Amino acid sequence: MSTWRGASSSGRAGFAPRGGRGGGRGRGGRGGHQSAPLQPDIVKHPLGDLVAKITTKDIDPTGSEDTFSAAAVITDCEYVASYNWMNEGASTIMAPGKPPLWTPLSVPRRLNEDTGDFYRDPNAARFPSYPIEPAVQAIFKVDAAFSTSNIDVFACGSTLGNLLRFARHDDKPFRFGVELIGNTVFFVRKEGSPTELIAGVRGWGHTFPEAYTTWEPDVKGSETHQRMVQYKFGGLRFILRFECDGYFNTALPQKTSPDGDDDLAQALKTVSVSQSLPKQDNSLSIKTGGSEVPQSSIFDLKTRSGKRGQSIDMEQILPLLYLKQIPNFIVAYHNGAGLFPTKDIKVENFEKEIRQWEVDNKCALERLSVIIRKIIEVVKMDECGLLEIYRPSPDCLEIRKQHGDESHVLPLSLRQEWEGAGLHVADEFDSDQESSQAGEGVDLRHSYNYNFDSDSDDDSIKDFTACSADDCGYCGKCTY
C-alpha cells in the first residue's frame, strides 16, 4: 500500500528516529526515573521444578553451540485466519471476521476520556478455559484441511515479544506456559487472572478508535479483531496471533454524513460497556461472517499527548510491528482535553523502516532464534511436553515444570485434531454456529491466575493511553 499521510507535519509531534543498532533499550519512566520492574509473585503462584536455564551468554550466536544456516529474518509472511470477538450472551467468535475500518472524522470533535472496564487479555477474559482455542478453531474453520505438521511455534504478540525483549536485553520479567502438541510448540500467555482489569484507566486510547474506526455492517457487534499470520524465521515456521486495530480501504470516503454526530455519540456511549463479558458455560460458539482483508491494509494505532511537543519513540513500536508484520502505523496526538486536530494524526507506511530495523537488529534477532530453538529442544525432550518459561533476572531464562495439576493449551479433542489423531470434518463448520466443549483437563479459570503486577517505574497514577495488551501488557508507564 502506498504511504498514507493523514496530515502535514505540525512541527510539534511526529515520529522520532530509530534508536541504536543491534541492541535494545528499556522503557524510560516518567521524568527519566527508572526503577526495577516488579517480579512475578512466585510465592502465591509457585514455580515447578527447574529443567534448564538459558543465560545471555548461552544465546550469543558467536559462542552458542547452536549453529544453523537459516537467517534470522522473517520471510514468506502470509495470512492464515482471523476472527472477531462478538458482543453476545455467550462466548462467540465470527470467522474470518474483519478489522474495524479507518473512518476518520472530517471535523475533529472533543472526545470524552476512557471510562468503563477493560481487560488485559480479551482472549482469556472471554474464554478462560482455553484462551488459544478460538484461534485454532478459526484456523480450521477457514481451512479445514490446514496442515499443522510443518508449524514449529504457535505464539502471540505478547509471548514472542517477551522473548525478543530478553534477546535485546530489555529488562522486563515475564512468565508464560509452553506445550508441545504434535510438532508444534505453543507459547501460552499467563500474565494475570482471566478477568483481570486494567486499573486506573485514563486517557483516550479507547475512545479515539471508537470514534475514528467503524465496525462495518457484516461484522456489527464486534469488539476486537484477532488475526493469525504464518512466516518463516530462523529456519522455523511460526503462527503468530495478535490483535489488529483496523484496516484501510481507500475506496471509502471519510465520515461526512449528516448523522455523523449521532454515530459518534453512539460510539462514545458504547465505550464504557464495550468489554462486557458473556456468561461462561465452557463452550465456544462460532459464526461465519466478515471477509479476509490483505495484510498490507492493516494498521496499529497509538494515542499520545501533544502538549509537550515530543515525538513518539518508534524504537518502542518497531519491534512489535516487525513481529506482527503490520506495515502501517497511526499515532494520534491530543491536546490534553480530548481534541485530536487532523494535522496531528499521523498515518504512515513503515515497511521501509521495518526492513531497516531488521537489519539494524541482526544480532538481537539471531539471539532470539537461538532462544526459541533451545526452548523447542527442551520441550521436545520433556516426557509430558508441558513446561513454563520464567525470567527471574535480566540475564537468565528458566525452563520449569508446571506446578500442580497439568494445564493444557487446548481441550483433548482439539489437541488430537492438531496432532492429526482426530479427523476434522469440514461439514461441522457449515452451520453458522458450532459449540466446542472445553470440559477435559484443568479449567484455567482456576489455574490461570498468575497475578503479575505492572512494571511501573514509579508510584504515580498510571496513564494507559500509550499502552496496549501485546506491546506491554498495559504496564501504565509507556511514555508519551
Protein backbone atom coordinates (compact mmCIF):
# COMPACT_ATOMS: atom_id res chain seq x y z
CA MET A 1 0.00 0.00 0.00
CA SER A 2 1.30 3.44 -0.78
CA THR A 3 2.24 5.69 2.10
CA TRP A 4 -0.69 7.46 3.71
CA ARG A 5 -0.17 10.87 5.18
CA GLY A 6 -3.06 11.96 7.32
CA ALA A 7 -1.66 15.44 7.74
CA SER A 8 1.40 17.51 7.12
CA SER A 9 3.98 17.74 9.87
CA SER A 10 2.96 20.26 12.51
CA GLY A 11 6.47 20.74 13.87
CA ARG A 12 5.30 19.74 17.34
CA ALA A 13 4.96 15.98 17.22
CA GLY A 14 5.70 13.21 14.79
CA PHE A 15 7.87 10.10 14.56
CA ALA A 16 11.19 10.01 16.38
CA PRO A 17 14.13 8.32 14.66
CA ARG A 18 15.17 4.80 15.48
CA GLY A 19 17.46 4.02 18.39
CA GLY A 20 20.86 2.38 18.43
CA ARG A 21 21.99 -0.56 16.36
CA GLY A 22 21.67 -4.19 17.31
CA GLY A 23 20.64 -3.85 20.93
CA GLY A 24 17.64 -2.89 22.97
CA ARG A 25 16.76 -0.03 25.25
CA GLY A 26 14.50 -0.34 28.26
CA ARG A 27 11.44 1.84 28.54
CA GLY A 28 12.20 5.02 30.43
CA GLY A 29 9.87 6.09 33.18
CA ARG A 30 8.31 9.50 33.66
CA GLY A 31 10.83 12.24 34.22
CA GLY A 32 13.70 9.93 33.37
CA HIS A 33 13.28 7.92 36.60
CA GLN A 34 13.56 4.18 36.26
CA SER A 35 13.31 1.54 38.98
CA ALA A 36 13.45 -2.22 38.84
CA PRO A 37 10.33 -3.84 37.35
CA LEU A 38 8.16 -5.83 39.74
CA GLN A 39 8.71 -9.57 39.77
CA PRO A 40 6.04 -12.26 39.30
CA ASP A 41 4.57 -13.46 42.60
CA ILE A 42 6.14 -16.90 42.85
CA VAL A 43 5.06 -17.24 46.50
CA LYS A 44 1.37 -17.03 45.66
CA HIS A 45 1.87 -18.97 42.43
CA PRO A 46 4.82 -21.32 42.97
CA LEU A 47 7.18 -22.45 40.27
CA GLY A 48 7.67 -26.05 39.26
CA ASP A 49 10.98 -27.90 39.25
CA LEU A 50 13.81 -26.37 37.25
CA VAL A 51 14.52 -28.18 33.98
CA ALA A 52 17.03 -25.91 32.25
CA LYS A 53 18.46 -22.40 32.22
CA ILE A 54 19.22 -20.11 29.30
CA THR A 55 21.60 -17.26 30.07
CA THR A 56 22.56 -14.30 27.94
CA LYS A 57 25.92 -15.99 27.34
CA ASP A 58 24.13 -19.07 26.00
CA ILE A 59 22.33 -17.06 23.33
CA ASP A 60 25.36 -15.28 21.93
CA PRO A 61 25.40 -16.62 18.35
CA THR A 62 29.20 -16.47 18.25
CA GLY A 63 29.58 -18.62 21.36
CA SER A 64 26.48 -20.78 21.08
CA GLU A 65 26.64 -24.43 20.11
CA ASP A 66 23.52 -23.82 18.03
CA THR A 67 24.80 -23.33 14.50
CA PHE A 68 22.45 -23.32 11.56
CA SER A 69 22.38 -21.79 8.14
CA ALA A 70 18.89 -20.24 8.25
CA ALA A 71 18.99 -16.46 8.56
CA ALA A 72 17.22 -14.83 11.50
CA VAL A 73 14.89 -12.82 9.27
CA ILE A 74 11.17 -13.06 8.60
CA THR A 75 10.19 -14.38 5.17
CA ASP A 76 7.12 -15.80 3.44
CA CYS A 77 4.62 -14.00 5.66
CA GLU A 78 1.01 -14.80 4.81
CA TYR A 79 -2.44 -14.57 6.32
CA VAL A 80 -3.74 -17.77 7.94
CA ALA A 81 -7.07 -16.93 9.58
CA SER A 82 -8.82 -14.39 11.76
CA TYR A 83 -11.82 -13.92 14.00
CA ASN A 84 -13.80 -11.26 15.80
CA TRP A 85 -14.99 -11.49 19.38
CA MET A 86 -18.70 -10.69 19.34
CA ASN A 87 -20.63 -8.78 21.99
CA GLU A 88 -23.16 -11.55 22.58
CA GLY A 89 -24.52 -13.52 25.51
CA ALA A 90 -22.19 -16.48 25.02
CA SER A 91 -18.52 -16.81 24.14
CA THR A 92 -18.95 -16.18 20.43
CA ILE A 93 -16.48 -15.54 17.64
CA MET A 94 -17.07 -14.73 13.98
CA ALA A 95 -14.63 -16.11 11.42
CA PRO A 96 -12.97 -14.76 9.44
CA GLY A 97 -14.41 -11.53 10.79
CA LYS A 98 -12.85 -8.24 9.78
CA PRO A 99 -10.96 -5.40 11.50
CA PRO A 100 -12.71 -2.08 12.04
CA LEU A 101 -12.44 0.28 9.06
CA TRP A 102 -10.45 3.52 9.37
CA THR A 103 -13.10 6.25 9.06
CA PRO A 104 -11.54 9.47 10.35
CA LEU A 105 -13.84 12.31 11.30
CA SER A 106 -13.92 15.11 8.76
CA VAL A 107 -14.27 17.65 11.57
CA PRO A 108 -12.44 16.86 14.84
CA ARG A 109 -14.57 16.79 17.98
CA ARG A 110 -13.59 16.74 21.62
CA LEU A 111 -13.82 13.16 22.87
CA ASN A 112 -14.62 12.01 26.37
CA GLU A 113 -11.92 10.26 28.35
CA ASP A 114 -11.94 6.48 28.57
CA THR A 115 -14.38 5.04 31.10
CA GLY A 116 -15.54 1.56 31.95
CA ASP A 117 -13.83 -1.78 32.41
CA PHE A 118 -11.09 -3.02 30.10
CA TYR A 119 -9.46 -6.44 30.28
CA ARG A 120 -5.74 -7.04 29.95
CA ASP A 121 -6.23 -10.17 27.84
CA PRO A 122 -9.54 -10.28 25.90
CA ASN A 123 -9.00 -13.87 24.80
CA ALA A 124 -8.53 -15.11 28.36
CA ALA A 125 -11.35 -12.94 29.68
CA ARG A 126 -13.83 -14.22 27.13
CA PHE A 127 -12.75 -17.86 27.06
CA PRO A 128 -10.72 -18.58 30.21
CA SER A 129 -10.81 -22.37 29.84
CA TYR A 130 -8.59 -22.39 26.74
CA PRO A 131 -7.71 -18.85 25.53
CA ILE A 132 -5.93 -20.14 22.40
CA GLU A 133 -8.81 -22.40 21.31
CA PRO A 134 -10.66 -19.64 19.39
CA ALA A 135 -7.56 -19.08 17.24
CA VAL A 136 -7.20 -22.78 16.45
CA GLN A 137 -10.92 -23.16 15.75
CA ALA A 138 -10.80 -20.14 13.43
CA ILE A 139 -7.91 -21.69 11.51
CA PHE A 140 -9.81 -24.93 10.95
CA LYS A 141 -12.95 -23.01 10.04
CA VAL A 142 -11.15 -21.04 7.34
CA ASP A 143 -9.26 -24.13 6.13
CA ALA A 144 -10.47 -27.50 7.44
CA ALA A 145 -7.50 -29.18 5.73
CA PHE A 146 -4.90 -26.84 7.24
CA SER A 147 -1.58 -28.65 7.61
CA THR A 148 -0.31 -28.39 11.18
CA SER A 149 2.69 -30.70 10.87
CA ASN A 150 5.01 -28.01 9.50
CA ILE A 151 4.19 -25.41 12.18
CA ASP A 152 7.04 -25.27 14.70
CA VAL A 153 5.81 -22.50 17.00
CA PHE A 154 2.36 -21.06 17.79
CA ALA A 155 2.75 -17.81 19.73
CA CYS A 156 1.10 -14.46 20.34
CA GLY A 157 2.47 -10.94 20.20
CA SER A 158 2.93 -10.93 23.97
CA THR A 159 4.89 -14.18 24.38
CA LEU A 160 7.11 -13.72 21.33
CA GLY A 161 7.56 -10.06 22.22
CA ASN A 162 8.77 -11.01 25.70
CA LEU A 163 11.38 -13.35 24.24
CA LEU A 164 12.51 -10.60 21.88
CA ARG A 165 12.88 -8.25 24.84
CA PHE A 166 15.12 -10.80 26.54
CA ALA A 167 17.17 -11.13 23.36
CA ARG A 168 17.50 -7.33 23.19
CA HIS A 169 18.41 -7.07 26.91
CA ASP A 170 15.25 -5.13 27.78
CA ASP A 171 14.67 -5.70 31.49
CA LYS A 172 11.10 -6.94 31.88
CA PRO A 173 10.23 -10.06 33.92
CA PHE A 174 7.69 -12.45 32.46
CA ARG A 175 6.29 -15.94 32.72
CA PHE A 176 4.34 -18.00 30.19
CA GLY A 177 3.32 -21.59 29.55
CA VAL A 178 4.66 -23.94 26.90
CA GLU A 179 3.12 -27.12 25.49
CA LEU A 180 4.13 -29.47 22.70
CA ILE A 181 1.19 -30.64 20.56
CA GLY A 182 2.20 -32.75 17.61
CA ASN A 183 5.19 -30.99 16.10
CA THR A 184 4.14 -27.55 17.35
CA VAL A 185 5.33 -25.81 20.50
CA PHE A 186 2.60 -23.48 21.81
CA PHE A 187 3.57 -20.39 23.82
CA VAL A 188 0.69 -19.56 26.18
CA ARG A 189 0.30 -16.13 27.72
CA LYS A 190 -0.18 -16.24 31.52
CA GLU A 191 0.08 -12.74 32.90
CA GLY A 192 -2.87 -12.48 35.26
CA SER A 193 -6.26 -13.85 36.16
CA PRO A 194 -8.52 -14.17 33.09
CA THR A 195 -10.78 -11.29 34.08
CA GLU A 196 -8.07 -9.01 35.45
CA LEU A 197 -8.98 -5.40 34.72
CA ILE A 198 -6.69 -2.56 33.76
CA ALA A 199 -6.82 -0.40 36.87
CA GLY A 200 -6.98 3.37 36.74
CA VAL A 201 -7.60 3.73 33.02
CA ARG A 202 -7.40 7.30 31.79
CA GLY A 203 -6.62 8.96 28.51
CA TRP A 204 -8.21 8.45 25.09
CA GLY A 205 -6.71 5.13 23.99
CA HIS A 206 -10.16 3.57 23.62
CA THR A 207 -12.48 6.46 22.76
CA PHE A 208 -10.27 7.58 19.87
CA PRO A 209 -10.52 4.30 17.90
CA GLU A 210 -14.22 4.09 18.77
CA ALA A 211 -14.71 7.47 17.09
CA TYR A 212 -12.24 7.09 14.20
CA THR A 213 -12.91 3.50 13.14
CA THR A 214 -16.14 1.69 12.25
CA TRP A 215 -17.32 -1.91 12.51
CA GLU A 216 -18.94 -2.46 9.12
CA PRO A 217 -22.45 -3.96 8.81
CA ASP A 218 -21.23 -7.52 8.15
CA VAL A 219 -19.29 -7.55 11.45
CA LYS A 220 -21.58 -5.31 13.52
CA GLY A 221 -21.47 -6.17 17.20
CA SER A 222 -17.75 -6.98 17.15
CA GLU A 223 -15.44 -5.96 19.95
CA THR A 224 -11.94 -7.00 18.85
CA HIS A 225 -10.33 -8.49 15.76
CA GLN A 226 -7.75 -11.24 16.29
CA ARG A 227 -5.50 -12.21 13.41
CA MET A 228 -3.14 -15.12 12.69
CA VAL A 229 -0.25 -14.95 10.24
CA GLN A 230 2.42 -17.50 9.48
CA TYR A 231 6.00 -16.91 8.43
CA LYS A 232 9.48 -18.40 8.46
CA PHE A 233 12.08 -17.17 10.91
CA GLY A 234 15.45 -18.74 11.64
CA GLY A 235 14.58 -21.92 9.80
CA LEU A 236 11.33 -22.37 11.75
CA ARG A 237 7.73 -21.76 10.75
CA PHE A 238 5.62 -19.67 13.11
CA ILE A 239 1.96 -18.85 13.56
CA LEU A 240 1.50 -15.58 15.42
CA ARG A 241 -1.81 -14.38 16.84
CA PHE A 242 -2.28 -10.68 17.55
CA GLU A 243 -4.99 -8.07 17.91
CA CYS A 244 -5.44 -5.81 14.89
CA ASP A 245 -6.55 -2.21 15.44
CA GLY A 246 -8.04 -1.64 11.98
CA TYR A 247 -7.58 -1.53 8.23
CA PHE A 248 -7.65 0.96 5.36
CA ASN A 249 -9.99 0.97 2.38
CA THR A 250 -9.07 3.83 0.07
CA ALA A 251 -12.29 3.44 -1.91
CA LEU A 252 -14.39 4.62 1.02
CA PRO A 253 -14.58 8.32 1.98
CA GLN A 254 -14.31 9.81 5.44
CA LYS A 255 -17.41 10.19 7.59
CA THR A 256 -19.25 13.18 6.17
CA SER A 257 -22.90 12.17 6.52
CA PRO A 258 -25.30 14.48 8.41
CA ASP A 259 -25.84 11.83 11.05
CA GLY A 260 -22.16 11.77 11.94
CA ASP A 261 -22.88 13.41 15.29
CA ASP A 262 -25.30 10.62 16.17
CA ASP A 263 -22.80 7.96 15.09
CA LEU A 264 -20.10 9.49 17.25
CA ALA A 265 -22.40 9.89 20.23
CA GLN A 266 -23.48 6.27 19.95
CA ALA A 267 -19.87 5.12 19.68
CA LEU A 268 -18.92 7.02 22.80
CA LYS A 269 -21.90 5.62 24.68
CA THR A 270 -20.74 2.09 23.99
CA VAL A 271 -17.14 2.63 25.07
CA SER A 272 -17.83 2.03 28.75
CA VAL A 273 -19.53 -1.31 28.06
CA SER A 274 -17.53 -2.46 25.06
CA GLN A 275 -15.77 -5.17 27.03
CA SER A 276 -18.69 -6.72 28.91
CA LEU A 277 -18.17 -10.43 29.44
CA PRO A 278 -20.53 -13.15 28.21
CA LYS A 279 -21.89 -15.76 30.58
CA GLN A 280 -19.30 -18.51 30.84
CA ASP A 281 -20.57 -22.02 30.08
CA ASN A 282 -17.35 -23.70 28.85
CA SER A 283 -18.49 -23.59 25.23
CA LEU A 284 -17.37 -21.58 22.23
CA SER A 285 -19.84 -20.56 19.53
CA ILE A 286 -18.50 -19.93 16.05
CA LYS A 287 -20.32 -17.87 13.42
CA THR A 288 -19.47 -17.30 9.79
CA GLY A 289 -19.13 -13.69 8.68
CA GLY A 290 -16.86 -10.91 7.58
CA SER A 291 -14.16 -11.25 4.95
CA GLU A 292 -10.40 -11.51 4.71
CA VAL A 293 -8.51 -8.24 4.35
CA PRO A 294 -4.95 -8.10 2.99
CA GLN A 295 -2.06 -7.80 5.42
CA SER A 296 -0.90 -4.71 3.54
CA SER A 297 -4.04 -2.82 4.60
CA ILE A 298 -3.96 -3.33 8.38
CA PHE A 299 -2.58 -0.86 10.90
CA ASP A 300 -1.57 -0.46 14.52
CA LEU A 301 -2.72 2.64 16.40
CA LYS A 302 -1.46 4.63 19.39
CA THR A 303 -2.58 7.86 21.02
CA ARG A 304 -0.25 10.31 22.72
CA SER A 305 -0.33 13.73 24.33
CA GLY A 306 0.83 16.51 22.03
CA LYS A 307 1.15 19.11 24.76
CA ARG A 308 4.86 18.52 25.31
CA GLY A 309 5.72 18.57 21.62
CA GLN A 310 7.51 15.23 21.90
CA SER A 311 7.58 12.74 19.04
CA ILE A 312 6.69 9.11 19.62
CA ASP A 313 9.74 6.88 20.03
CA MET A 314 9.47 4.39 17.18
CA GLU A 315 12.16 2.22 18.78
CA GLN A 316 9.40 1.09 21.16
CA ILE A 317 6.97 0.43 18.31
CA LEU A 318 9.03 -1.12 15.51
CA PRO A 319 9.83 -4.44 17.28
CA LEU A 320 6.13 -5.25 17.61
CA LEU A 321 5.30 -4.07 14.08
CA TYR A 322 8.10 -6.37 12.95
CA LEU A 323 6.89 -9.46 14.80
CA LYS A 324 3.30 -8.91 13.67
CA GLN A 325 4.37 -7.79 10.18
CA ILE A 326 2.00 -4.82 10.36
CA PRO A 327 3.11 -2.33 7.68
CA ASN A 328 1.07 0.72 8.71
CA PHE A 329 1.07 2.80 11.87
CA ILE A 330 -1.11 5.63 13.15
CA VAL A 331 -0.19 7.92 16.02
CA ALA A 332 -2.79 10.47 17.09
CA TYR A 333 -1.77 13.38 19.32
CA HIS A 334 -4.37 15.04 21.54
CA ASN A 335 -4.34 18.49 23.11
CA GLY A 336 -4.78 17.20 26.65
CA ALA A 337 -8.53 17.74 26.59
CA GLY A 338 -9.67 15.07 24.12
CA LEU A 339 -9.31 17.01 20.87
CA PHE A 340 -7.26 15.37 18.11
CA PRO A 341 -6.51 18.01 15.42
CA THR A 342 -6.40 16.49 11.95
CA LYS A 343 -2.87 17.80 11.39
CA ASP A 344 -1.72 15.87 14.47
CA ILE A 345 -3.00 12.47 13.32
CA LYS A 346 -0.06 10.86 11.53
CA VAL A 347 -0.82 7.93 9.23
CA GLU A 348 2.28 6.33 7.73
CA ASN A 349 3.51 3.22 5.95
CA PHE A 350 6.54 1.84 7.82
CA GLU A 351 7.57 -1.08 5.60
CA LYS A 352 10.93 0.52 4.78
CA GLU A 353 11.64 1.29 8.44
CA ILE A 354 10.64 -2.24 9.49
CA ARG A 355 13.04 -3.75 6.97
CA GLN A 356 15.81 -1.45 8.20
CA TRP A 357 15.02 -2.35 11.82
CA GLU A 358 15.56 -6.00 10.91
CA VAL A 359 19.00 -5.15 9.50
CA ASP A 360 19.95 -2.96 12.46
CA ASN A 361 18.89 -5.62 14.97
CA LYS A 362 20.55 -8.59 13.29
CA CYS A 363 22.38 -9.70 16.45
CA ALA A 364 19.29 -9.49 18.65
CA LEU A 365 17.25 -11.49 16.13
CA GLU A 366 19.96 -14.15 15.96
CA ARG A 367 19.81 -14.37 19.75
CA LEU A 368 16.01 -14.71 19.56
CA SER A 369 16.39 -17.56 17.11
CA VAL A 370 18.81 -19.36 19.45
CA ILE A 371 16.44 -18.89 22.41
CA ILE A 372 13.49 -20.37 20.58
CA ARG A 373 15.49 -23.34 19.32
CA LYS A 374 16.73 -24.08 22.83
CA ILE A 375 13.17 -23.93 24.21
CA ILE A 376 11.93 -26.28 21.48
CA GLU A 377 14.76 -28.72 22.18
CA VAL A 378 13.98 -28.86 25.91
CA VAL A 379 10.21 -29.15 25.44
CA LYS A 380 10.56 -32.00 22.94
CA MET A 381 12.78 -33.88 25.39
CA ASP A 382 10.27 -33.49 28.23
CA GLU A 383 8.08 -36.51 28.93
CA CYS A 384 4.85 -34.50 29.18
CA GLY A 385 5.73 -31.56 26.93
CA LEU A 386 4.17 -29.18 29.47
CA LEU A 387 6.55 -26.54 30.81
CA GLU A 388 6.85 -22.89 31.76
CA ILE A 389 9.22 -20.12 30.79
CA TYR A 390 10.19 -17.78 33.62
CA ARG A 391 12.55 -14.80 33.55
CA PRO A 392 13.77 -14.25 37.14
CA SER A 393 16.54 -11.78 36.23
CA PRO A 394 17.70 -9.72 33.25
CA ASP A 395 20.34 -12.24 32.19
CA CYS A 396 18.54 -15.55 32.69
CA LEU A 397 15.55 -17.55 31.44
CA GLU A 398 14.40 -20.61 33.35
CA ILE A 399 12.51 -23.53 31.81
CA ARG A 400 10.48 -25.23 34.53
CA LYS A 401 7.90 -27.92 35.06
CA GLN A 402 4.36 -26.73 35.64
CA HIS A 403 3.48 -26.57 39.31
CA GLY A 404 0.49 -28.64 40.40
CA ASP A 405 -2.07 -30.08 38.02
CA GLU A 406 -1.46 -30.02 34.29
CA SER A 407 -2.94 -27.05 32.43
CA HIS A 408 -3.30 -27.80 28.74
CA VAL A 409 -3.43 -25.29 25.90
CA LEU A 410 -6.36 -26.97 24.15
CA PRO A 411 -9.10 -29.47 25.04
CA LEU A 412 -8.27 -33.10 24.31
CA SER A 413 -10.35 -33.35 21.12
CA LEU A 414 -8.72 -30.28 19.60
CA ARG A 415 -5.25 -31.42 20.66
CA GLN A 416 -5.92 -34.66 18.79
CA GLU A 417 -7.07 -32.75 15.72
CA TRP A 418 -3.93 -30.61 15.76
CA GLU A 419 -1.79 -33.72 16.12
CA GLY A 420 -3.65 -35.37 13.27
CA ALA A 421 -5.01 -38.15 15.51
CA GLY A 422 -8.55 -36.87 15.14
CA LEU A 423 -10.43 -36.15 11.93
CA HIS A 424 -11.57 -32.58 11.46
CA VAL A 425 -14.78 -32.75 9.45
CA ALA A 426 -15.41 -29.70 7.29
CA ASP A 427 -19.17 -30.18 7.50
CA GLU A 428 -19.01 -29.42 11.22
CA PHE A 429 -18.49 -25.77 10.36
CA ASP A 430 -21.01 -25.32 7.59
CA SER A 431 -23.62 -24.02 10.00
CA ASP A 432 -23.46 -20.52 11.42
CA GLN A 433 -22.68 -21.74 14.91
CA GLU A 434 -20.60 -24.51 16.43
CA SER A 435 -20.03 -25.29 20.08
CA SER A 436 -16.70 -26.65 21.27
CA GLN A 437 -16.92 -28.24 24.70
CA ALA A 438 -13.95 -27.46 26.92
CA GLY A 439 -14.55 -29.97 29.67
CA GLU A 440 -11.36 -32.00 29.51
CA GLY A 441 -8.27 -31.14 31.50
CA VAL A 442 -7.95 -28.41 34.09
CA ASP A 443 -10.29 -25.43 33.97
CA LEU A 444 -7.92 -22.50 33.63
CA ARG A 445 -10.45 -20.20 35.24
CA HIS A 446 -8.94 -21.57 38.44
CA SER A 447 -5.34 -22.29 37.45
CA TYR A 448 -4.77 -19.38 35.03
CA ASN A 449 -4.06 -16.87 37.75
CA TYR A 450 -0.51 -15.60 37.63
CA ASN A 451 -1.14 -12.20 39.16
CA PHE A 452 1.75 -10.26 37.64
CA ASP A 453 1.76 -6.63 38.69
CA SER A 454 2.57 -3.98 36.15
CA ASP A 455 6.20 -2.94 35.79
CA SER A 456 5.59 0.69 36.61
CA ASP A 457 8.63 2.88 37.19
CA ASP A 458 7.07 4.89 39.97
CA ASP A 459 4.11 5.14 42.31
CA SER A 460 2.39 7.89 40.35
CA ILE A 461 -1.05 7.47 38.81
CA LYS A 462 -0.76 5.30 35.73
CA ASP A 463 -1.84 6.54 32.33
CA PHE A 464 -2.68 3.69 29.96
CA THR A 465 -3.26 5.84 26.87
CA ALA A 466 0.13 4.80 25.49
CA CYS A 467 -0.24 1.11 26.36
CA SER A 468 -1.60 -1.99 24.65
CA ALA A 469 -2.08 -5.64 25.55
CA ASP A 470 0.53 -7.12 23.21
CA ASP A 471 3.16 -4.41 23.50
CA CYS A 472 3.49 -4.07 27.26
CA GLY A 473 0.55 -5.80 28.92
CA TYR A 474 -0.82 -2.39 29.94
CA CYS A 475 2.13 -1.51 32.15
CA GLY A 476 0.88 2.01 32.83
CA LYS A 477 4.28 3.57 32.27
CA CYS A 478 4.64 3.85 28.50
CA THR A 479 5.84 7.34 27.74
CA TYR A 480 4.07 9.92 25.61
